[in-house]
């Protein structure tokens, strides 16, 4: 019995170690090669790991055609697209310490010479290496015209409140910021999204009114009958027009008793949460006939608030990460220049979603401070 117990303990410890390795990305989705640049840069990566871009065709700046895309986007042209992110607290007493994950996301964007805008009401401890290199906007300086109406009609049915309410409010503040600054288009990023390329307005392909995460044709996730109902705008190109229309649509949905009782309440019952991604999904059904047809939701469009007809395009096909890209088979990251590929195809962002995801960020940004000093502009680049 003692021997059997000892063997069982050994097996359990081995399983725990394997699980731990998997969770750290060592085995999940195949082997994960993280190339960390050395201080002297002369040794290069291990011999069995090819750095991203070493063949001359996988570097992010090369703009090769992406899988699933008939034509490659021209990433070298267009106006620099501001990357806008938020950090909000209910009282303004929240703090962003110098070791917060948000600063690594800022660093990644700055290395690729982007203009990063952080809209916040928190108390900031900005690290010295990025201080002055990005734009900070006081949340309280913005006055969204529809915020009071939204707050009055909103139903707190998110998984964690009031956080979910903040997620909605971001888009009302975003509309106010874009109006004030005269911006027609921005790249909107959740604060745990690291951008790995220089973003320009050419991202938004001809015929597209916005670029969001539509789950890349995953029928199970977008099917109306699944009640998963998620469209994620947290790593996409948003026009002022679409942001304004989504804000109006959301207020209309929460103001309509039939929508609340027959659609939102049913969603809460079957999949017990209603969040901003839910309303982005419903907006996509109402505004984009092609998406509605694919989601088997055409018959439900008449039950939703009316929305101007738009074409929403898929961000995943242009290399923007849905979440946890490092868990995918064939993932490679080159920390010497903050670039990444999956099976040789460039990805242009990494989404460190959830507590597990954010815990991985230090693995990838060990060289970020030095790269900021070498490559980032000393002040935010102009939007020209």
Protein backbone atom coordinates (compact mmCIF):
# COMPACT_ATOMS: atom_id res chain seq x y z
CA UNK A 1 0.00 0.00 0.00
CA UNK A 2 2.85 2.37 0.85
CA UNK A 3 4.52 1.65 -2.50
CA UNK A 4 1.27 2.19 -4.34
CA UNK A 5 0.68 5.46 -2.52
CA UNK A 6 4.22 6.62 -3.31
CA UNK A 7 3.79 5.80 -7.00
CA UNK A 8 0.48 7.67 -7.08
CA UNK A 9 2.12 10.71 -5.53
CA UNK A 10 4.93 10.64 -8.11
CA UNK A 11 2.41 10.40 -10.96
CA UNK A 12 0.42 13.29 -9.51
CA UNK A 13 3.51 15.51 -9.22
CA UNK A 14 4.56 14.68 -12.77
CA UNK A 15 1.09 15.53 -14.06
CA UNK A 16 1.14 18.81 -12.17
CA UNK A 17 4.51 19.73 -13.66
CA UNK A 18 3.29 18.90 -17.16
CA UNK A 19 0.15 20.97 -16.64
CA UNK A 20 2.22 23.86 -15.38
CA UNK A 21 4.44 23.65 -18.47
CA UNK A 22 1.40 23.61 -20.71
CA UNK A 23 -0.09 26.63 -19.01
CA UNK A 24 3.15 28.55 -19.46
CA UNK A 25 2.91 27.96 -23.20
CA UNK A 26 5.57 25.27 -23.47
CA UNK A 27 3.27 22.69 -25.00
CA UNK A 28 -0.09 24.32 -25.62
CA UNK A 29 -0.89 24.37 -29.32
CA UNK A 30 2.48 22.81 -30.17
CA UNK A 31 5.98 24.02 -29.39
CA UNK A 32 6.23 27.72 -28.68
CA UNK A 33 9.49 29.43 -29.51
CA UNK A 34 10.08 32.65 -27.62
CA UNK A 35 13.17 34.36 -28.96
CA UNK A 36 14.56 36.78 -26.41
CA UNK A 37 17.15 39.17 -27.78
CA UNK A 38 20.40 39.30 -25.84
CA UNK A 39 21.86 42.62 -24.67
CA UNK A 40 24.79 42.42 -27.07
CA UNK A 41 22.61 41.11 -29.95
CA UNK A 42 25.65 39.31 -31.42
CA UNK A 43 24.88 35.82 -30.26
CA UNK A 44 21.48 35.79 -31.95
CA UNK A 45 18.77 33.26 -31.20
CA UNK A 46 19.39 29.57 -30.51
CA UNK A 47 20.45 27.68 -33.61
CA UNK A 48 17.21 25.68 -33.76
CA UNK A 49 14.99 28.76 -33.66
CA UNK A 50 14.58 30.92 -36.74
CA UNK A 51 13.96 34.55 -35.77
CA UNK A 52 10.86 36.09 -37.28
CA UNK A 53 11.76 37.89 -40.47
CA UNK A 54 15.10 36.11 -40.98
CA UNK A 55 13.99 34.87 -44.40
CA UNK A 56 13.21 38.43 -45.49
CA UNK A 57 9.52 37.67 -45.98
CA UNK A 58 8.07 37.21 -42.52
CA UNK A 59 8.94 40.56 -41.00
CA UNK A 60 5.87 42.63 -40.18
CA UNK A 61 6.92 45.51 -42.37
CA UNK A 62 6.99 43.28 -45.45
CA UNK A 63 3.17 43.08 -45.57
CA UNK A 64 2.86 39.61 -47.15
CA UNK A 65 -0.58 38.28 -48.07
CA UNK A 66 -2.27 36.71 -45.08
CA UNK A 67 -3.93 33.32 -45.12
CA UNK A 68 -7.59 33.67 -45.92
CA UNK A 69 -7.03 37.00 -47.64
CA UNK A 70 -7.02 37.26 -51.40
CA UNK A 71 -4.98 40.45 -51.40
CA UNK A 72 -2.48 41.82 -48.95
CA UNK A 73 -3.21 45.17 -47.39
CA UNK A 74 -0.82 47.98 -48.25
CA UNK A 75 0.51 48.73 -44.79
CA UNK A 76 3.00 51.33 -45.96
CA UNK A 77 0.44 53.95 -46.97
CA UNK A 78 -2.26 55.87 -45.19
CA UNK A 79 -2.52 58.19 -42.22
CA UNK A 80 -1.04 57.10 -38.91
CA UNK A 81 -3.88 55.61 -36.90
CA UNK A 82 -4.00 56.58 -33.22
CA UNK A 83 -4.26 53.62 -30.86
CA UNK A 84 -6.78 54.51 -28.16
CA UNK A 85 -7.08 52.58 -24.89
CA UNK A 86 -8.82 53.17 -21.57
CA UNK A 87 -8.27 52.61 -17.89
CA UNK A 88 -11.30 53.60 -15.81
CA UNK A 89 -12.27 53.49 -12.15
CA UNK A 90 -15.57 54.40 -10.55
CA UNK A 91 -14.23 57.10 -8.24
CA UNK A 92 -11.04 58.10 -10.00
CA UNK A 93 -9.10 56.65 -7.08
CA UNK A 94 -7.77 53.76 -9.12
CA UNK A 95 -4.03 53.56 -9.61
CA UNK A 96 -1.76 52.40 -12.40
CA UNK A 97 1.54 51.49 -10.73
CA UNK A 98 4.82 51.54 -12.63
CA UNK A 99 4.77 47.74 -13.02
CA UNK A 100 1.23 47.54 -14.44
CA UNK A 101 0.74 45.45 -17.58
CA UNK A 102 -0.69 48.46 -19.44
CA UNK A 103 2.80 49.96 -19.75
CA UNK A 104 4.08 46.90 -21.65
CA UNK A 105 1.22 47.34 -24.12
CA UNK A 106 2.24 51.00 -24.49
CA UNK A 107 5.88 50.01 -25.04
CA UNK A 108 5.00 47.52 -27.77
CA UNK A 109 3.05 50.18 -29.66
CA UNK A 110 5.81 52.77 -29.24
CA UNK A 111 8.52 50.42 -30.53
CA UNK A 112 6.59 50.34 -33.81
CA UNK A 113 6.35 54.16 -33.81
CA UNK A 114 2.63 54.37 -33.18
CA UNK A 115 0.75 57.16 -31.47
CA UNK A 116 -0.73 55.68 -28.28
CA UNK A 117 -3.53 57.48 -26.43
CA UNK A 118 -4.51 56.44 -22.91
CA UNK A 119 -7.81 57.87 -21.68
CA UNK A 120 -8.05 57.51 -17.92
CA UNK A 121 -9.22 58.92 -14.62
CA UNK A 122 -6.66 56.92 -12.62
CA UNK A 123 -3.62 58.07 -10.70
CA UNK A 124 -0.66 57.18 -12.90
CA UNK A 125 2.89 56.17 -12.10
CA UNK A 126 4.31 56.39 -15.62
CA UNK A 127 7.67 54.61 -16.04
CA UNK A 128 10.53 56.90 -17.03
CA UNK A 129 11.27 55.08 -20.29
CA UNK A 130 7.87 55.94 -21.80
CA UNK A 131 7.09 59.20 -20.00
CA UNK A 132 6.26 61.90 -22.57
CA UNK A 133 6.25 59.46 -25.49
CA UNK A 134 2.49 58.84 -25.53
CA UNK A 135 -0.65 60.89 -24.99
CA UNK A 136 -2.63 60.90 -21.73
CA UNK A 137 -6.19 62.22 -21.83
CA UNK A 138 -8.11 63.05 -18.67
CA UNK A 139 -11.36 61.10 -18.81
CA UNK A 140 -13.10 63.87 -16.88
CA UNK A 141 -12.27 66.37 -19.62
CA UNK A 142 -14.68 64.55 -21.94
CA UNK A 143 -18.43 65.09 -21.84
CA UNK A 144 -20.27 62.35 -23.75
CA UNK A 145 -23.72 63.73 -24.62
CA UNK A 146 -25.53 60.40 -24.25
CA UNK A 147 -23.82 59.13 -21.09
CA UNK A 148 -26.64 60.14 -18.72
CA UNK A 149 -29.22 58.42 -20.92
CA UNK A 150 -27.16 55.26 -21.13
CA UNK A 151 -26.64 55.18 -17.37
CA UNK A 152 -30.37 55.52 -16.81
CA UNK A 153 -31.46 52.65 -19.09
CA UNK A 154 -28.53 50.25 -18.56
CA UNK A 155 -29.22 46.85 -16.98
CA UNK A 156 -26.31 45.55 -14.89
CA UNK A 157 -26.36 42.00 -16.18
CA UNK A 158 -22.64 41.59 -16.78
CA UNK A 159 -20.56 38.88 -15.14
CA UNK A 160 -18.81 41.48 -12.99
CA UNK A 161 -20.42 44.80 -12.23
CA UNK A 162 -19.70 47.68 -12.31
CA UNK A 163 -16.79 46.65 -14.54
CA UNK A 164 -19.11 45.69 -17.37
CA UNK A 165 -20.77 49.09 -17.19
CA UNK A 166 -17.33 50.68 -17.61
CA UNK A 167 -16.78 48.56 -20.71
CA UNK A 168 -19.89 50.10 -22.27
CA UNK A 169 -19.05 53.63 -21.15
CA UNK A 170 -15.67 53.51 -22.91
CA UNK A 171 -17.39 53.85 -26.27
CA UNK A 172 -19.34 56.92 -25.20
CA UNK A 173 -16.11 58.53 -24.03
CA UNK A 174 -14.44 57.38 -27.24
CA UNK A 175 -17.11 59.12 -29.31
CA UNK A 176 -16.62 62.31 -27.32
CA UNK A 177 -12.84 62.12 -27.75
CA UNK A 178 -13.08 61.55 -31.50
CA UNK A 179 -15.54 64.42 -31.84
CA UNK A 180 -13.30 66.77 -29.86
CA UNK A 181 -10.16 65.86 -31.77
CA UNK A 182 -11.84 65.70 -35.18
CA UNK A 183 -10.82 62.05 -35.69
CA UNK A 184 -12.77 59.99 -38.21
CA UNK A 185 -11.00 56.74 -37.41
CA UNK A 186 -8.97 55.14 -34.59
CA UNK A 187 -7.58 51.77 -33.67
CA UNK A 188 -9.39 50.92 -30.46
CA UNK A 189 -7.45 48.55 -28.18
CA UNK A 190 -8.21 46.94 -24.87
CA UNK A 191 -5.41 47.76 -22.45
CA UNK A 192 -4.15 44.15 -22.53
CA UNK A 193 -3.58 44.24 -26.31
CA UNK A 194 0.00 44.66 -27.52
CA UNK A 195 0.22 46.04 -31.07
CA UNK A 196 3.14 44.65 -33.05
CA UNK A 197 3.07 46.79 -36.18
CA UNK A 198 2.80 50.42 -37.24
CA UNK A 199 -0.90 51.00 -37.89
CA UNK A 200 -2.27 53.28 -40.58
CA UNK A 201 -5.68 54.09 -42.00
CA UNK A 202 -5.03 51.65 -44.86
CA UNK A 203 -6.01 48.93 -42.41
CA UNK A 204 -9.64 49.61 -43.19
CA UNK A 205 -10.12 47.92 -46.53
CA UNK A 206 -12.30 49.47 -49.28
CA UNK A 207 -15.98 48.76 -48.64
CA UNK A 208 -15.52 48.25 -44.88
CA UNK A 209 -17.13 50.59 -42.35
CA UNK A 210 -15.26 49.10 -39.38
CA UNK A 211 -12.91 46.22 -38.60
CA UNK A 212 -13.78 44.14 -35.54
CA UNK A 213 -13.35 40.59 -34.28
CA UNK A 214 -16.21 38.58 -35.80
CA UNK A 215 -14.82 35.21 -34.62
CA UNK A 216 -13.33 34.52 -38.09
CA UNK A 217 -16.26 32.52 -39.42
CA UNK A 218 -16.63 30.27 -36.37
CA UNK A 219 -20.23 29.22 -36.96
CA UNK A 220 -20.67 27.79 -33.49
CA UNK A 221 -19.70 31.06 -31.81
CA UNK A 222 -21.73 33.39 -34.03
CA UNK A 223 -24.85 31.24 -34.48
CA UNK A 224 -27.85 33.03 -32.96
CA UNK A 225 -29.03 29.76 -31.38
CA UNK A 226 -25.78 29.37 -29.42
CA UNK A 227 -26.51 32.49 -27.31
CA UNK A 228 -22.75 33.06 -27.09
CA UNK A 229 -23.27 36.31 -28.99
CA UNK A 230 -19.85 37.92 -28.96
CA UNK A 231 -18.33 40.43 -31.35
CA UNK A 232 -15.19 42.00 -29.91
CA UNK A 233 -14.26 45.58 -30.76
CA UNK A 234 -11.23 45.61 -28.45
CA UNK A 235 -8.68 45.18 -31.20
CA UNK A 236 -10.09 46.88 -34.25
CA UNK A 237 -10.53 49.91 -36.45
CA UNK A 238 -13.55 52.00 -35.48
CA UNK A 239 -14.90 54.96 -37.39
CA UNK A 240 -16.59 57.81 -35.56
CA UNK A 241 -19.78 57.05 -37.46
CA UNK A 242 -19.90 53.42 -36.32
CA UNK A 243 -19.06 54.30 -32.71
CA UNK A 244 -21.86 56.88 -32.66
CA UNK A 245 -24.33 54.42 -34.23
CA UNK A 246 -23.39 51.65 -31.77
CA UNK A 247 -23.89 54.01 -28.84
CA UNK A 248 -27.35 54.97 -30.14
CA UNK A 249 -28.20 51.32 -30.85
CA UNK A 250 -27.21 50.28 -27.32
CA UNK A 251 -29.42 52.92 -25.71
CA UNK A 252 -32.29 51.96 -28.01
CA UNK A 253 -31.89 48.27 -27.12
CA UNK A 254 -31.92 48.89 -23.37
CA UNK A 255 -34.85 51.31 -23.77
CA UNK A 256 -37.03 48.82 -25.66
CA UNK A 257 -38.99 46.60 -23.25
CA UNK A 258 -39.46 43.92 -25.93
CA UNK A 259 -35.71 43.74 -26.61
CA UNK A 260 -34.91 43.66 -22.90
CA UNK A 261 -37.49 41.00 -22.05
CA UNK A 262 -37.34 38.79 -25.14
CA UNK A 263 -33.71 39.05 -26.20
CA UNK A 264 -31.38 40.38 -23.49
CA UNK A 265 -33.13 38.65 -20.59
CA UNK A 266 -33.17 35.38 -22.52
CA UNK A 267 -29.46 35.76 -23.26
CA UNK A 268 -28.82 36.31 -19.56
CA UNK A 269 -30.82 33.19 -18.72
CA UNK A 270 -29.19 30.87 -21.27
CA UNK A 271 -25.63 32.24 -21.07
CA UNK A 272 -25.70 34.22 -17.85
CA UNK A 273 -24.17 37.52 -18.77
CA UNK A 274 -24.82 40.49 -21.04
CA UNK A 275 -21.78 42.61 -21.83
CA UNK A 276 -20.56 45.09 -24.44
CA UNK A 277 -19.62 42.19 -26.75
CA UNK A 278 -23.28 41.09 -26.63
CA UNK A 279 -24.44 44.48 -27.85
CA UNK A 280 -21.73 44.58 -30.52
CA UNK A 281 -23.03 41.20 -31.74
CA UNK A 282 -26.62 42.45 -31.83
CA UNK A 283 -25.49 45.63 -33.59
CA UNK A 284 -23.66 43.51 -36.18
CA UNK A 285 -26.84 41.49 -36.78
CA UNK A 286 -28.88 44.68 -37.19
CA UNK A 287 -26.36 46.63 -39.25
CA UNK A 288 -24.72 43.99 -41.46
CA UNK A 289 -27.06 41.77 -43.49
CA UNK A 290 -24.23 39.43 -44.49
CA UNK A 291 -23.19 38.84 -40.89
CA UNK A 292 -26.83 38.31 -39.91
CA UNK A 293 -27.26 35.69 -42.61
CA UNK A 294 -24.10 33.86 -41.56
CA UNK A 295 -25.23 33.95 -37.93
CA UNK A 296 -28.63 32.52 -38.93
CA UNK A 297 -30.17 35.62 -37.42
CA UNK A 298 -31.87 37.32 -40.36
CA UNK A 299 -35.34 36.69 -38.97
CA UNK A 300 -34.40 38.46 -35.72
CA UNK A 301 -33.29 41.72 -37.34
CA UNK A 302 -36.80 43.12 -37.29
CA UNK A 303 -36.93 42.56 -33.51
CA UNK A 304 -33.84 44.69 -32.91
CA UNK A 305 -33.52 48.48 -32.99
CA UNK A 306 -32.98 49.79 -36.50
CA UNK A 307 -29.39 50.59 -37.50
CA UNK A 308 -27.92 52.11 -40.68
CA UNK A 309 -26.58 49.36 -42.90
CA UNK A 310 -22.82 48.90 -42.63
CA UNK A 311 -20.16 46.41 -43.65
CA UNK A 312 -18.18 45.06 -40.71
CA UNK A 313 -14.94 43.35 -41.67
CA UNK A 314 -12.93 40.69 -39.85
CA UNK A 315 -9.83 41.72 -37.89
CA UNK A 316 -8.50 38.18 -37.43
CA UNK A 317 -7.91 37.79 -41.17
CA UNK A 318 -5.57 40.77 -41.06
CA UNK A 319 -3.44 39.24 -38.35
CA UNK A 320 -5.01 40.65 -35.18
CA UNK A 321 -5.04 38.18 -32.32
CA UNK A 322 -8.35 37.00 -30.86
CA UNK A 323 -6.55 35.90 -27.70
CA UNK A 324 -3.47 33.99 -26.47
CA UNK A 325 -1.64 33.80 -29.81
CA UNK A 326 1.35 32.14 -28.13
CA UNK A 327 -0.73 29.00 -27.57
CA UNK A 328 -1.15 28.43 -31.29
CA UNK A 329 0.93 25.88 -33.13
CA UNK A 330 3.89 27.39 -34.95
CA UNK A 331 3.99 30.59 -32.90
CA UNK A 332 7.28 32.50 -32.87
CA UNK A 333 8.10 35.76 -31.16
CA UNK A 334 11.23 37.80 -31.77
CA UNK A 335 11.86 40.03 -28.78
CA UNK A 336 14.69 41.78 -30.63
CA UNK A 337 12.18 43.76 -32.66
CA UNK A 338 8.79 42.95 -31.06
CA UNK A 339 7.43 40.90 -33.97
CA UNK A 340 5.57 37.60 -34.07
CA UNK A 341 4.44 34.99 -36.57
CA UNK A 342 2.21 31.93 -36.53
CA UNK A 343 3.36 29.25 -38.97
CA UNK A 344 5.39 31.94 -40.74
CA UNK A 345 2.44 34.33 -41.12
CA UNK A 346 2.81 37.67 -39.31
CA UNK A 347 0.42 38.59 -36.55
CA UNK A 348 -0.03 42.23 -35.76
CA UNK A 349 -1.18 42.09 -32.17
CA UNK A 350 -1.24 39.84 -29.11
CA UNK A 351 -4.22 39.79 -26.77
CA UNK A 352 -3.22 38.87 -23.21
CA UNK A 353 -6.78 38.17 -22.15
CA UNK A 354 -7.62 37.24 -18.56
CA UNK A 355 -5.50 36.77 -15.47
CA UNK A 356 -3.58 33.92 -17.10
CA UNK A 357 -2.88 35.98 -20.21
CA UNK A 358 -1.63 39.03 -18.36
CA UNK A 359 0.70 36.84 -16.30
CA UNK A 360 2.47 35.92 -19.57
CA UNK A 361 3.35 39.48 -20.58
CA UNK A 362 6.73 39.68 -18.78
CA UNK A 363 7.92 36.71 -20.85
CA UNK A 364 7.62 38.71 -24.05
CA UNK A 365 8.66 42.22 -23.08
CA UNK A 366 12.04 41.77 -21.42
CA UNK A 367 13.69 43.88 -24.13
CA UNK A 368 10.89 46.43 -24.46
CA UNK A 369 12.46 49.22 -22.39
CA UNK A 370 15.66 49.14 -24.42
CA UNK A 371 13.77 49.02 -27.72
CA UNK A 372 11.71 52.03 -26.69
CA UNK A 373 14.90 54.01 -26.15
CA UNK A 374 16.29 52.90 -29.51
CA UNK A 375 13.22 53.19 -31.73
CA UNK A 376 10.35 55.14 -30.22
CA UNK A 377 9.90 58.85 -30.98
CA UNK A 378 10.70 61.12 -28.02
CA UNK A 379 7.17 62.57 -28.24
CA UNK A 380 3.89 61.29 -29.70
CA UNK A 381 4.09 61.29 -33.51
CA UNK A 382 1.64 63.66 -35.23
CA UNK A 383 -1.45 62.47 -37.06
CA UNK A 384 -0.84 63.78 -40.58
